[in-house]
């Protein structure tokens, strides 16, 4: 057993997870990459070492912050790391690995939540709405205590209609966010392993700049848009949730296209990352999604065989 690698990965996992609680704002972003050390350890030294590191890290978090935080670490970040490392070990396609890593924690946590709400006999939608409203009320009260009346007024201005739709759009938002997080963790772990593979199997799939979603996935987006224009609210809610998910897919494809052309002008990795981050942080993100959709037929990078016809 590689004790040194195991200890380092465990410490890194604990540190990344705790960053969300000790570093304002930026720490919450850093914590999203908690699965990365577990993925790298699992691929270089075996899945059992990854599971041991995850178990030890969860035990330490339980001792420091309680079993609830340990459950979050194990069931969200841990399961994500297990899914991604298994996909990489089997050398599956990029999208399958990201989907496995992103959906595994969502499915498991969803099943546990469904069992919990069934046992207590409450509607999860109602509970979520009540929680959001109480959180907004507490936030407004906090701003008022600090004499920040303008901020308190902004929070109080959030309408029940906004809360109503936010809760109903949450399935699409949760799935899209989890898969996007898994894709980022997968990309970082893959880059580290390709630079210094150790005992890990070298990935054989192409770089992100050449990636595109399977072309038939566009039918998911078409179905989503069709459902949105149906008058019934239930159909429209399903359509919007699907639109969020597939919009994220084509955002990733558009980002890959942008990265491809930035690479062609030989920009350094850091500069490319900064430029992509700037593009995605601005309203131009809409054009990136459109670029990803257009690429289905235009094949802007010439990376496909015959394209599908709709």
C-alpha atoms as a PDB file:
ATOM      1  CA  UNK A   1       0.000   0.000   0.000  1.00  0.00           C
ATOM      2  CA  UNK A   2       1.281   3.458  -0.914  1.00  0.00           C
ATOM      3  CA  UNK A   3       0.925   5.062   2.532  1.00  0.00           C
ATOM      4  CA  UNK A   4       2.503   8.362   1.539  1.00  0.00           C
ATOM      5  CA  UNK A   5       0.164   8.866  -1.429  1.00  0.00           C
ATOM      6  CA  UNK A   6      -2.796   7.777   0.708  1.00  0.00           C
ATOM      7  CA  UNK A   7      -2.000  10.270   3.476  1.00  0.00           C
ATOM      8  CA  UNK A   8      -1.382  13.133   1.029  1.00  0.00           C
ATOM      9  CA  UNK A   9      -4.643  12.499  -0.840  1.00  0.00           C
ATOM     10  CA  UNK A  10      -6.586  12.282   2.430  1.00  0.00           C
ATOM     11  CA  UNK A  11      -5.148  15.575   3.686  1.00  0.00           C
ATOM     12  CA  UNK A  12      -5.833  17.248   0.332  1.00  0.00           C
ATOM     13  CA  UNK A  13      -9.434  15.996   0.353  1.00  0.00           C
ATOM     14  CA  UNK A  14     -10.032  17.302   3.876  1.00  0.00           C
ATOM     15  CA  UNK A  15      -8.389  20.627   3.069  1.00  0.00           C
ATOM     16  CA  UNK A  16     -10.372  21.202  -0.116  1.00  0.00           C
ATOM     17  CA  UNK A  17     -13.652  20.303   1.587  1.00  0.00           C
ATOM     18  CA  UNK A  18     -13.004  22.542   4.614  1.00  0.00           C
ATOM     19  CA  UNK A  19     -12.040  25.464   2.362  1.00  0.00           C
ATOM     20  CA  UNK A  20     -15.752  26.160   1.901  1.00  0.00           C
ATOM     21  CA  UNK A  21     -16.042  26.929   5.623  1.00  0.00           C
ATOM     22  CA  UNK A  22     -12.788  28.795   6.320  1.00  0.00           C
ATOM     23  CA  UNK A  23     -12.251  30.902   3.174  1.00  0.00           C
ATOM     24  CA  UNK A  24     -14.974  33.445   2.309  1.00  0.00           C
ATOM     25  CA  UNK A  25     -16.541  33.074  -1.163  1.00  0.00           C
ATOM     26  CA  UNK A  26     -13.465  31.663  -2.918  1.00  0.00           C
ATOM     27  CA  UNK A  27     -13.458  28.681  -0.549  1.00  0.00           C
ATOM     28  CA  UNK A  28     -16.804  27.501  -1.869  1.00  0.00           C
ATOM     29  CA  UNK A  29     -15.337  27.397  -5.374  1.00  0.00           C
ATOM     30  CA  UNK A  30     -12.230  25.570  -4.161  1.00  0.00           C
ATOM     31  CA  UNK A  31     -14.372  22.966  -2.383  1.00  0.00           C
ATOM     32  CA  UNK A  32     -15.977  21.954  -5.669  1.00  0.00           C
ATOM     33  CA  UNK A  33     -12.707  20.251  -6.623  1.00  0.00           C
ATOM     34  CA  UNK A  34     -12.650  17.999  -3.549  1.00  0.00           C
ATOM     35  CA  UNK A  35     -13.036  14.816  -5.676  1.00  0.00           C
ATOM     36  CA  UNK A  36      -9.817  15.457  -7.636  1.00  0.00           C
ATOM     37  CA  UNK A  37      -7.245  13.994  -5.153  1.00  0.00           C
ATOM     38  CA  UNK A  38      -9.442  10.915  -4.663  1.00  0.00           C
ATOM     39  CA  UNK A  39      -9.710  10.378  -8.436  1.00  0.00           C
ATOM     40  CA  UNK A  40      -5.942  10.647  -8.943  1.00  0.00           C
ATOM     41  CA  UNK A  41      -5.172   8.341  -5.986  1.00  0.00           C
ATOM     42  CA  UNK A  42      -7.690   5.755  -7.172  1.00  0.00           C
ATOM     43  CA  UNK A  43      -6.277   5.673 -10.696  1.00  0.00           C
ATOM     44  CA  UNK A  44      -2.618   5.632  -9.701  1.00  0.00           C
ATOM     45  CA  UNK A  45      -2.773   3.251  -6.743  1.00  0.00           C
ATOM     46  CA  UNK A  46      -6.055   1.372  -6.986  1.00  0.00           C
ATOM     47  CA  UNK A  47      -9.718   1.839  -6.144  1.00  0.00           C
ATOM     48  CA  UNK A  48      -9.300   0.471  -2.603  1.00  0.00           C
ATOM     49  CA  UNK A  49      -6.797   3.182  -1.722  1.00  0.00           C
ATOM     50  CA  UNK A  50      -9.279   5.751  -3.001  1.00  0.00           C
ATOM     51  CA  UNK A  51     -12.051   4.260  -0.849  1.00  0.00           C
ATOM     52  CA  UNK A  52      -9.780   4.171   2.221  1.00  0.00           C
ATOM     53  CA  UNK A  53      -8.823   7.838   1.726  1.00  0.00           C
ATOM     54  CA  UNK A  54     -12.489   8.780   1.339  1.00  0.00           C
ATOM     55  CA  UNK A  55     -13.478   6.835   4.465  1.00  0.00           C
ATOM     56  CA  UNK A  56     -10.692   8.338   6.578  1.00  0.00           C
ATOM     57  CA  UNK A  57     -11.438  11.859   5.316  1.00  0.00           C
ATOM     58  CA  UNK A  58     -15.146  11.371   6.108  1.00  0.00           C
ATOM     59  CA  UNK A  59     -14.276  10.171   9.629  1.00  0.00           C
ATOM     60  CA  UNK A  60     -12.102  13.239  10.231  1.00  0.00           C
ATOM     61  CA  UNK A  61     -14.837  15.566   8.959  1.00  0.00           C
ATOM     62  CA  UNK A  62     -17.360  13.791  11.208  1.00  0.00           C
ATOM     63  CA  UNK A  63     -15.093  14.384  14.216  1.00  0.00           C
ATOM     64  CA  UNK A  64     -14.611  18.050  13.307  1.00  0.00           C
ATOM     65  CA  UNK A  65     -18.093  19.039  12.110  1.00  0.00           C
ATOM     66  CA  UNK A  66     -20.541  16.216  12.731  1.00  0.00           C
ATOM     67  CA  UNK A  67     -21.971  13.335  10.740  1.00  0.00           C
ATOM     68  CA  UNK A  68     -24.024  15.623   8.478  1.00  0.00           C
ATOM     69  CA  UNK A  69     -20.900  17.171   6.938  1.00  0.00           C
ATOM     70  CA  UNK A  70     -19.292  13.736   6.682  1.00  0.00           C
ATOM     71  CA  UNK A  71     -22.381  12.467   4.834  1.00  0.00           C
ATOM     72  CA  UNK A  72     -22.133  15.382   2.385  1.00  0.00           C
ATOM     73  CA  UNK A  73     -18.475  14.590   1.742  1.00  0.00           C
ATOM     74  CA  UNK A  74     -19.056  10.874   1.263  1.00  0.00           C
ATOM     75  CA  UNK A  75     -22.350  10.907  -0.634  1.00  0.00           C
ATOM     76  CA  UNK A  76     -21.680  13.867  -2.915  1.00  0.00           C
ATOM     77  CA  UNK A  77     -17.952  14.423  -3.485  1.00  0.00           C
ATOM     78  CA  UNK A  78     -17.006  10.821  -2.680  1.00  0.00           C
ATOM     79  CA  UNK A  79     -19.526   9.214  -5.003  1.00  0.00           C
ATOM     80  CA  UNK A  80     -18.569  11.696  -7.709  1.00  0.00           C
ATOM     81  CA  UNK A  81     -14.918  10.668  -7.365  1.00  0.00           C
ATOM     82  CA  UNK A  82     -15.859   6.978  -7.501  1.00  0.00           C
ATOM     83  CA  UNK A  83     -17.921   7.470 -10.667  1.00  0.00           C
ATOM     84  CA  UNK A  84     -15.272   9.523 -12.466  1.00  0.00           C
ATOM     85  CA  UNK A  85     -12.383   7.238 -11.521  1.00  0.00           C
ATOM     86  CA  UNK A  86     -14.335   4.181 -12.684  1.00  0.00           C
ATOM     87  CA  UNK A  87     -15.134   5.843 -16.012  1.00  0.00           C
ATOM     88  CA  UNK A  88     -11.485   6.815 -16.481  1.00  0.00           C
ATOM     89  CA  UNK A  89     -10.285   3.347 -15.485  1.00  0.00           C
ATOM     90  CA  UNK A  90     -12.521   1.821 -18.152  1.00  0.00           C
ATOM     91  CA  UNK A  91     -11.445   4.555 -20.615  1.00  0.00           C
ATOM     92  CA  UNK A  92     -15.028   5.532 -21.367  1.00  0.00           C
ATOM     93  CA  UNK A  93     -15.900   8.544 -23.490  1.00  0.00           C
ATOM     94  CA  UNK A  94     -15.639  11.993 -21.897  1.00  0.00           C
ATOM     95  CA  UNK A  95     -19.385  12.551 -21.745  1.00  0.00           C
ATOM     96  CA  UNK A  96     -20.093   9.113 -20.219  1.00  0.00           C
ATOM     97  CA  UNK A  97     -17.476   9.615 -17.515  1.00  0.00           C
ATOM     98  CA  UNK A  98     -18.806  13.081 -16.657  1.00  0.00           C
ATOM     99  CA  UNK A  99     -22.398  11.810 -16.610  1.00  0.00           C
ATOM    100  CA  UNK A 100     -21.482   8.887 -14.347  1.00  0.00           C
ATOM    101  CA  UNK A 101     -19.613  11.133 -11.928  1.00  0.00           C
ATOM    102  CA  UNK A 102     -22.323  13.787 -11.913  1.00  0.00           C
ATOM    103  CA  UNK A 103     -25.417  11.584 -11.810  1.00  0.00           C
ATOM    104  CA  UNK A 104     -24.250   8.987  -9.268  1.00  0.00           C
ATOM    105  CA  UNK A 105     -24.457  11.344  -6.247  1.00  0.00           C
ATOM    106  CA  UNK A 106     -27.679  12.925  -7.557  1.00  0.00           C
ATOM    107  CA  UNK A 107     -29.381   9.531  -7.885  1.00  0.00           C
ATOM    108  CA  UNK A 108     -28.228   8.233  -4.499  1.00  0.00           C
ATOM    109  CA  UNK A 109     -29.088  11.448  -2.655  1.00  0.00           C
ATOM    110  CA  UNK A 110     -32.404  11.632  -4.522  1.00  0.00           C
ATOM    111  CA  UNK A 111     -33.325   8.108  -3.404  1.00  0.00           C
ATOM    112  CA  UNK A 112     -32.417   8.904   0.203  1.00  0.00           C
ATOM    113  CA  UNK A 113     -34.421  12.134   0.126  1.00  0.00           C
ATOM    114  CA  UNK A 114     -37.407  10.352  -1.426  1.00  0.00           C
ATOM    115  CA  UNK A 115     -37.304   7.726   1.320  1.00  0.00           C
ATOM    116  CA  UNK A 116     -37.024  10.420   3.999  1.00  0.00           C
ATOM    117  CA  UNK A 117     -39.956  12.504   2.733  1.00  0.00           C
ATOM    118  CA  UNK A 118     -42.051   9.359   2.293  1.00  0.00           C
ATOM    119  CA  UNK A 119     -41.391   8.415   5.906  1.00  0.00           C
ATOM    120  CA  UNK A 120     -42.286  11.840   7.319  1.00  0.00           C
ATOM    121  CA  UNK A 121     -45.240  12.228   4.957  1.00  0.00           C
ATOM    122  CA  UNK A 122     -44.369  15.677   3.600  1.00  0.00           C
ATOM    123  CA  UNK A 123     -44.241  17.083   0.091  1.00  0.00           C
ATOM    124  CA  UNK A 124     -40.592  17.890  -0.762  1.00  0.00           C
ATOM    125  CA  UNK A 125     -41.665  20.770  -3.033  1.00  0.00           C
ATOM    126  CA  UNK A 126     -43.599  22.410  -0.186  1.00  0.00           C
ATOM    127  CA  UNK A 127     -40.715  21.871   2.231  1.00  0.00           C
ATOM    128  CA  UNK A 128     -38.247  23.414  -0.239  1.00  0.00           C
ATOM    129  CA  UNK A 129     -40.471  26.458  -0.780  1.00  0.00           C
ATOM    130  CA  UNK A 130     -40.888  26.983   2.967  1.00  0.00           C
ATOM    131  CA  UNK A 131     -37.142  26.653   3.479  1.00  0.00           C
ATOM    132  CA  UNK A 132     -36.367  29.210   0.767  1.00  0.00           C
ATOM    133  CA  UNK A 133     -38.891  31.708   2.118  1.00  0.00           C
ATOM    134  CA  UNK A 134     -37.586  31.361   5.684  1.00  0.00           C
ATOM    135  CA  UNK A 135     -33.994  31.727   4.442  1.00  0.00           C
ATOM    136  CA  UNK A 136     -34.892  34.901   2.558  1.00  0.00           C
ATOM    137  CA  UNK A 137     -36.654  36.288   5.636  1.00  0.00           C
ATOM    138  CA  UNK A 138     -33.613  35.549   7.810  1.00  0.00           C
ATOM    139  CA  UNK A 139     -31.291  37.137   5.256  1.00  0.00           C
ATOM    140  CA  UNK A 140     -33.415  40.282   5.095  1.00  0.00           C
ATOM    141  CA  UNK A 141     -33.460  40.447   8.895  1.00  0.00           C
ATOM    142  CA  UNK A 142     -29.668  40.085   8.966  1.00  0.00           C
ATOM    143  CA  UNK A 143     -29.185  42.948   6.493  1.00  0.00           C
ATOM    144  CA  UNK A 144     -31.599  45.088   8.480  1.00  0.00           C
ATOM    145  CA  UNK A 145     -29.597  44.474  11.672  1.00  0.00           C
ATOM    146  CA  UNK A 146     -26.531  45.753   9.812  1.00  0.00           C
ATOM    147  CA  UNK A 147     -28.531  48.821   8.710  1.00  0.00           C
ATOM    148  CA  UNK A 148     -28.254  47.783   5.068  1.00  0.00           C
ATOM    149  CA  UNK A 149     -31.838  48.688   4.243  1.00  0.00           C
ATOM    150  CA  UNK A 150     -31.291  48.658   0.473  1.00  0.00           C
ATOM    151  CA  UNK A 151     -29.977  45.087   0.560  1.00  0.00           C
ATOM    152  CA  UNK A 152     -32.830  44.039   2.846  1.00  0.00           C
ATOM    153  CA  UNK A 153     -35.346  45.605   0.460  1.00  0.00           C
ATOM    154  CA  UNK A 154     -33.844  43.691  -2.469  1.00  0.00           C
ATOM    155  CA  UNK A 155     -34.173  40.400  -0.602  1.00  0.00           C
ATOM    156  CA  UNK A 156     -37.731  41.201   0.451  1.00  0.00           C
ATOM    157  CA  UNK A 157     -38.572  42.015  -3.167  1.00  0.00           C
ATOM    158  CA  UNK A 158     -38.028  38.364  -4.161  1.00  0.00           C
ATOM    159  CA  UNK A 159     -41.533  37.243  -5.013  1.00  0.00           C
ATOM    160  CA  UNK A 160     -43.352  34.030  -4.220  1.00  0.00           C
ATOM    161  CA  UNK A 161     -43.545  33.456  -7.966  1.00  0.00           C
ATOM    162  CA  UNK A 162     -39.746  33.435  -8.172  1.00  0.00           C
ATOM    163  CA  UNK A 163     -39.528  30.932  -5.295  1.00  0.00           C
ATOM    164  CA  UNK A 164     -42.257  28.821  -6.923  1.00  0.00           C
ATOM    165  CA  UNK A 165     -40.353  28.450 -10.202  1.00  0.00           C
ATOM    166  CA  UNK A 166     -36.897  28.186  -8.652  1.00  0.00           C
ATOM    167  CA  UNK A 167     -37.978  25.110  -6.707  1.00  0.00           C
ATOM    168  CA  UNK A 168     -39.560  23.540  -9.792  1.00  0.00           C
ATOM    169  CA  UNK A 169     -36.503  24.245 -11.921  1.00  0.00           C
ATOM    170  CA  UNK A 170     -34.216  22.768  -9.268  1.00  0.00           C
ATOM    171  CA  UNK A 171     -34.034  19.234 -10.790  1.00  0.00           C
ATOM    172  CA  UNK A 172     -32.523  20.607 -14.002  1.00  0.00           C
ATOM    173  CA  UNK A 173     -30.270  23.017 -12.116  1.00  0.00           C
ATOM    174  CA  UNK A 174     -29.015  20.307  -9.745  1.00  0.00           C
ATOM    175  CA  UNK A 175     -28.314  17.786 -12.521  1.00  0.00           C
ATOM    176  CA  UNK A 176     -26.635  20.363 -14.776  1.00  0.00           C
ATOM    177  CA  UNK A 177     -24.503  21.725 -11.920  1.00  0.00           C
ATOM    178  CA  UNK A 178     -23.444  18.279 -10.719  1.00  0.00           C
ATOM    179  CA  UNK A 179     -22.482  17.060 -14.199  1.00  0.00           C
ATOM    180  CA  UNK A 180     -20.617  20.323 -14.918  1.00  0.00           C
ATOM    181  CA  UNK A 181     -18.709  19.954 -11.632  1.00  0.00           C
ATOM    182  CA  UNK A 182     -17.891  16.334 -12.476  1.00  0.00           C
ATOM    183  CA  UNK A 183     -16.652  17.381 -15.924  1.00  0.00           C
ATOM    184  CA  UNK A 184     -14.329  19.996 -14.395  1.00  0.00           C
ATOM    185  CA  UNK A 185     -12.947  17.544 -11.817  1.00  0.00           C
ATOM    186  CA  UNK A 186     -12.491  14.944 -14.553  1.00  0.00           C
ATOM    187  CA  UNK A 187     -10.622  17.437 -16.737  1.00  0.00           C
ATOM    188  CA  UNK A 188      -8.256  18.459 -13.932  1.00  0.00           C
ATOM    189  CA  UNK A 189      -7.555  14.865 -12.860  1.00  0.00           C
ATOM    190  CA  UNK A 190      -7.001  13.839 -16.474  1.00  0.00           C
ATOM    191  CA  UNK A 191      -4.529  16.704 -17.044  1.00  0.00           C
ATOM    192  CA  UNK A 192      -2.555  15.778 -13.898  1.00  0.00           C
ATOM    193  CA  UNK A 193      -2.388  12.102 -14.838  1.00  0.00           C
ATOM    194  CA  UNK A 194      -1.325  12.855 -18.414  1.00  0.00           C
ATOM    195  CA  UNK A 195       1.468  15.082 -17.113  1.00  0.00           C
ATOM    196  CA  UNK A 196       2.648  12.549 -14.494  1.00  0.00           C
ATOM    197  CA  UNK A 197       0.861   9.244 -14.985  1.00  0.00           C
ATOM    198  CA  UNK A 198       2.676   7.208 -12.328  1.00  0.00           C
ATOM    199  CA  UNK A 199       1.085   3.737 -12.411  1.00  0.00           C
ATOM    200  CA  UNK A 200      -2.163   5.042 -13.923  1.00  0.00           C
ATOM    201  CA  UNK A 201      -3.364   4.034 -17.365  1.00  0.00           C
ATOM    202  CA  UNK A 202      -2.866   6.878 -19.819  1.00  0.00           C
ATOM    203  CA  UNK A 203      -6.142   8.268 -21.246  1.00  0.00           C
ATOM    204  CA  UNK A 204      -6.642   7.508 -24.924  1.00  0.00           C
ATOM    205  CA  UNK A 205      -9.540   9.880 -25.666  1.00  0.00           C
ATOM    206  CA  UNK A 206      -8.816  13.203 -27.367  1.00  0.00           C
ATOM    207  CA  UNK A 207      -8.498  16.584 -25.617  1.00  0.00           C
ATOM    208  CA  UNK A 208     -11.427  18.746 -24.549  1.00  0.00           C
ATOM    209  CA  UNK A 209     -10.837  21.118 -27.477  1.00  0.00           C
ATOM    210  CA  UNK A 210     -11.874  18.327 -29.880  1.00  0.00           C
ATOM    211  CA  UNK A 211     -14.865  17.114 -27.855  1.00  0.00           C
ATOM    212  CA  UNK A 212     -18.446  17.306 -29.026  1.00  0.00           C
ATOM    213  CA  UNK A 213     -21.633  15.848 -27.598  1.00  0.00           C
ATOM    214  CA  UNK A 214     -23.119  12.887 -29.481  1.00  0.00           C
ATOM    215  CA  UNK A 215     -25.116  14.480 -32.285  1.00  0.00           C
ATOM    216  CA  UNK A 216     -28.399  12.643 -31.481  1.00  0.00           C
ATOM    217  CA  UNK A 217     -28.461  14.498 -28.149  1.00  0.00           C
ATOM    218  CA  UNK A 218     -29.806  17.503 -30.048  1.00  0.00           C
ATOM    219  CA  UNK A 219     -33.187  15.741 -30.038  1.00  0.00           C
ATOM    220  CA  UNK A 220     -33.259  16.234 -26.273  1.00  0.00           C
ATOM    221  CA  UNK A 221     -32.983  19.972 -26.800  1.00  0.00           C
ATOM    222  CA  UNK A 222     -35.639  19.890 -29.540  1.00  0.00           C
ATOM    223  CA  UNK A 223     -38.047  17.998 -27.258  1.00  0.00           C
ATOM    224  CA  UNK A 224     -37.340  20.488 -24.464  1.00  0.00           C
ATOM    225  CA  UNK A 225     -38.175  23.471 -26.665  1.00  0.00           C
ATOM    226  CA  UNK A 226     -41.319  21.733 -27.928  1.00  0.00           C
ATOM    227  CA  UNK A 227     -42.524  21.092 -24.369  1.00  0.00           C
ATOM    228  CA  UNK A 228     -41.901  24.706 -23.350  1.00  0.00           C
ATOM    229  CA  UNK A 229     -44.454  26.017 -25.847  1.00  0.00           C
ATOM    230  CA  UNK A 230     -47.180  23.615 -24.636  1.00  0.00           C
ATOM    231  CA  UNK A 231     -49.762  25.510 -22.525  1.00  0.00           C
ATOM    232  CA  UNK A 232     -49.882  22.956 -19.666  1.00  0.00           C
ATOM    233  CA  UNK A 233     -47.618  23.996 -16.793  1.00  0.00           C
ATOM    234  CA  UNK A 234     -46.438  20.440 -16.064  1.00  0.00           C
ATOM    235  CA  UNK A 235     -45.155  19.997 -19.635  1.00  0.00           C
ATOM    236  CA  UNK A 236     -43.522  23.412 -19.605  1.00  0.00           C
ATOM    237  CA  UNK A 237     -41.732  22.658 -16.331  1.00  0.00           C
ATOM    238  CA  UNK A 238     -40.370  19.406 -17.775  1.00  0.00           C
ATOM    239  CA  UNK A 239     -39.317  21.322 -20.881  1.00  0.00           C
ATOM    240  CA  UNK A 240     -37.496  24.008 -18.926  1.00  0.00           C
ATOM    241  CA  UNK A 241     -35.657  21.435 -16.809  1.00  0.00           C
ATOM    242  CA  UNK A 242     -34.566  19.590 -19.946  1.00  0.00           C
ATOM    243  CA  UNK A 243     -33.559  22.900 -21.548  1.00  0.00           C
ATOM    244  CA  UNK A 244     -31.321  23.686 -18.582  1.00  0.00           C
ATOM    245  CA  UNK A 245     -29.619  20.295 -18.856  1.00  0.00           C
ATOM    246  CA  UNK A 246     -29.106  20.326 -22.617  1.00  0.00           C
ATOM    247  CA  UNK A 247     -28.223  24.015 -22.584  1.00  0.00           C
ATOM    248  CA  UNK A 248     -25.341  23.101 -20.268  1.00  0.00           C
ATOM    249  CA  UNK A 249     -24.269  20.340 -22.668  1.00  0.00           C
ATOM    250  CA  UNK A 250     -24.055  22.736 -25.607  1.00  0.00           C
ATOM    251  CA  UNK A 251     -22.417  25.368 -23.435  1.00  0.00           C
ATOM    252  CA  UNK A 252     -19.639  22.831 -22.879  1.00  0.00           C
ATOM    253  CA  UNK A 253     -19.478  22.121 -26.625  1.00  0.00           C
ATOM    254  CA  UNK A 254     -19.288  25.825 -27.426  1.00  0.00           C
ATOM    255  CA  UNK A 255     -16.544  26.246 -24.825  1.00  0.00           C
ATOM    256  CA  UNK A 256     -14.598  23.392 -26.428  1.00  0.00           C
ATOM    257  CA  UNK A 257     -14.832  25.180 -29.794  1.00  0.00           C
ATOM    258  CA  UNK A 258     -13.576  28.416 -28.259  1.00  0.00           C
ATOM    259  CA  UNK A 259     -10.718  26.520 -26.600  1.00  0.00           C
ATOM    260  CA  UNK A 260      -9.862  24.888 -29.947  1.00  0.00           C
ATOM    261  CA  UNK A 261      -9.399  28.235 -31.680  1.00  0.00           C
ATOM    262  CA  UNK A 262      -7.550  29.771 -28.741  1.00  0.00           C
ATOM    263  CA  UNK A 263      -5.150  26.839 -28.917  1.00  0.00           C
ATOM    264  CA  UNK A 264      -4.625  27.461 -32.624  1.00  0.00           C
ATOM    265  CA  UNK A 265      -3.187  30.897 -31.853  1.00  0.00           C
ATOM    266  CA  UNK A 266      -0.853  29.216 -29.325  1.00  0.00           C
ATOM    267  CA  UNK A 267      -2.058  30.883 -26.150  1.00  0.00           C
ATOM    268  CA  UNK A 268      -0.763  29.468 -22.884  1.00  0.00           C
ATOM    269  CA  UNK A 269      -3.066  27.316 -20.770  1.00  0.00           C
ATOM    270  CA  UNK A 270      -3.463  29.965 -18.069  1.00  0.00           C
ATOM    271  CA  UNK A 271      -4.308  32.672 -20.605  1.00  0.00           C
ATOM    272  CA  UNK A 272      -6.811  30.415 -22.377  1.00  0.00           C
ATOM    273  CA  UNK A 273      -8.450  29.548 -19.077  1.00  0.00           C
ATOM    274  CA  UNK A 274      -8.692  33.198 -18.074  1.00  0.00           C
ATOM    275  CA  UNK A 275     -10.213  34.164 -21.429  1.00  0.00           C
ATOM    276  CA  UNK A 276     -12.721  31.320 -21.324  1.00  0.00           C
ATOM    277  CA  UNK A 277     -13.670  32.259 -17.772  1.00  0.00           C
ATOM    278  CA  UNK A 278     -14.224  35.855 -18.838  1.00  0.00           C
ATOM    279  CA  UNK A 279     -16.368  34.782 -21.798  1.00  0.00           C
ATOM    280  CA  UNK A 280     -18.509  32.510 -19.622  1.00  0.00           C
ATOM    281  CA  UNK A 281     -18.950  35.164 -16.943  1.00  0.00           C
ATOM    282  CA  UNK A 282     -20.491  37.646 -19.364  1.00  0.00           C
ATOM    283  CA  UNK A 283     -23.727  37.726 -21.411  1.00  0.00           C
ATOM    284  CA  UNK A 284     -21.646  36.234 -24.238  1.00  0.00           C
ATOM    285  CA  UNK A 285     -22.394  32.873 -22.623  1.00  0.00           C
ATOM    286  CA  UNK A 286     -25.594  32.817 -24.708  1.00  0.00           C
ATOM    287  CA  UNK A 287     -23.539  32.989 -27.904  1.00  0.00           C
ATOM    288  CA  UNK A 288     -21.302  30.169 -26.650  1.00  0.00           C
ATOM    289  CA  UNK A 289     -24.380  27.936 -26.247  1.00  0.00           C
ATOM    290  CA  UNK A 290     -25.551  28.931 -29.742  1.00  0.00           C
ATOM    291  CA  UNK A 291     -22.091  28.143 -31.099  1.00  0.00           C
ATOM    292  CA  UNK A 292     -22.273  24.660 -29.592  1.00  0.00           C
ATOM    293  CA  UNK A 293     -25.674  24.044 -31.210  1.00  0.00           C
ATOM    294  CA  UNK A 294     -24.596  25.359 -34.626  1.00  0.00           C
ATOM    295  CA  UNK A 295     -21.553  23.072 -34.503  1.00  0.00           C
ATOM    296  CA  UNK A 296     -23.854  20.034 -34.724  1.00  0.00           C
ATOM    297  CA  UNK A 297     -24.364  20.806 -38.408  1.00  0.00           C
ATOM    298  CA  UNK A 298     -21.476  23.137 -39.238  1.00  0.00           C
ATOM    299  CA  UNK A 299     -18.748  20.904 -37.729  1.00  0.00           C
ATOM    300  CA  UNK A 300     -16.562  23.961 -37.191  1.00  0.00           C
ATOM    301  CA  UNK A 301     -13.488  21.942 -36.168  1.00  0.00           C
ATOM    302  CA  UNK A 302     -13.945  19.146 -38.768  1.00  0.00           C
ATOM    303  CA  UNK A 303     -13.895  16.456 -36.079  1.00  0.00           C
ATOM    304  CA  UNK A 304     -16.934  14.425 -37.202  1.00  0.00           C
ATOM    305  CA  UNK A 305     -17.963  12.028 -39.868  1.00  0.00           C
ATOM    306  CA  UNK A 306     -21.297  12.721 -41.618  1.00  0.00           C
ATOM    307  CA  UNK A 307     -23.516  14.946 -39.491  1.00  0.00           C
ATOM    308  CA  UNK A 308     -27.133  14.161 -38.696  1.00  0.00           C
ATOM    309  CA  UNK A 309     -29.964  15.837 -40.517  1.00  0.00           C
ATOM    310  CA  UNK A 310     -33.033  17.149 -38.680  1.00  0.00           C
END
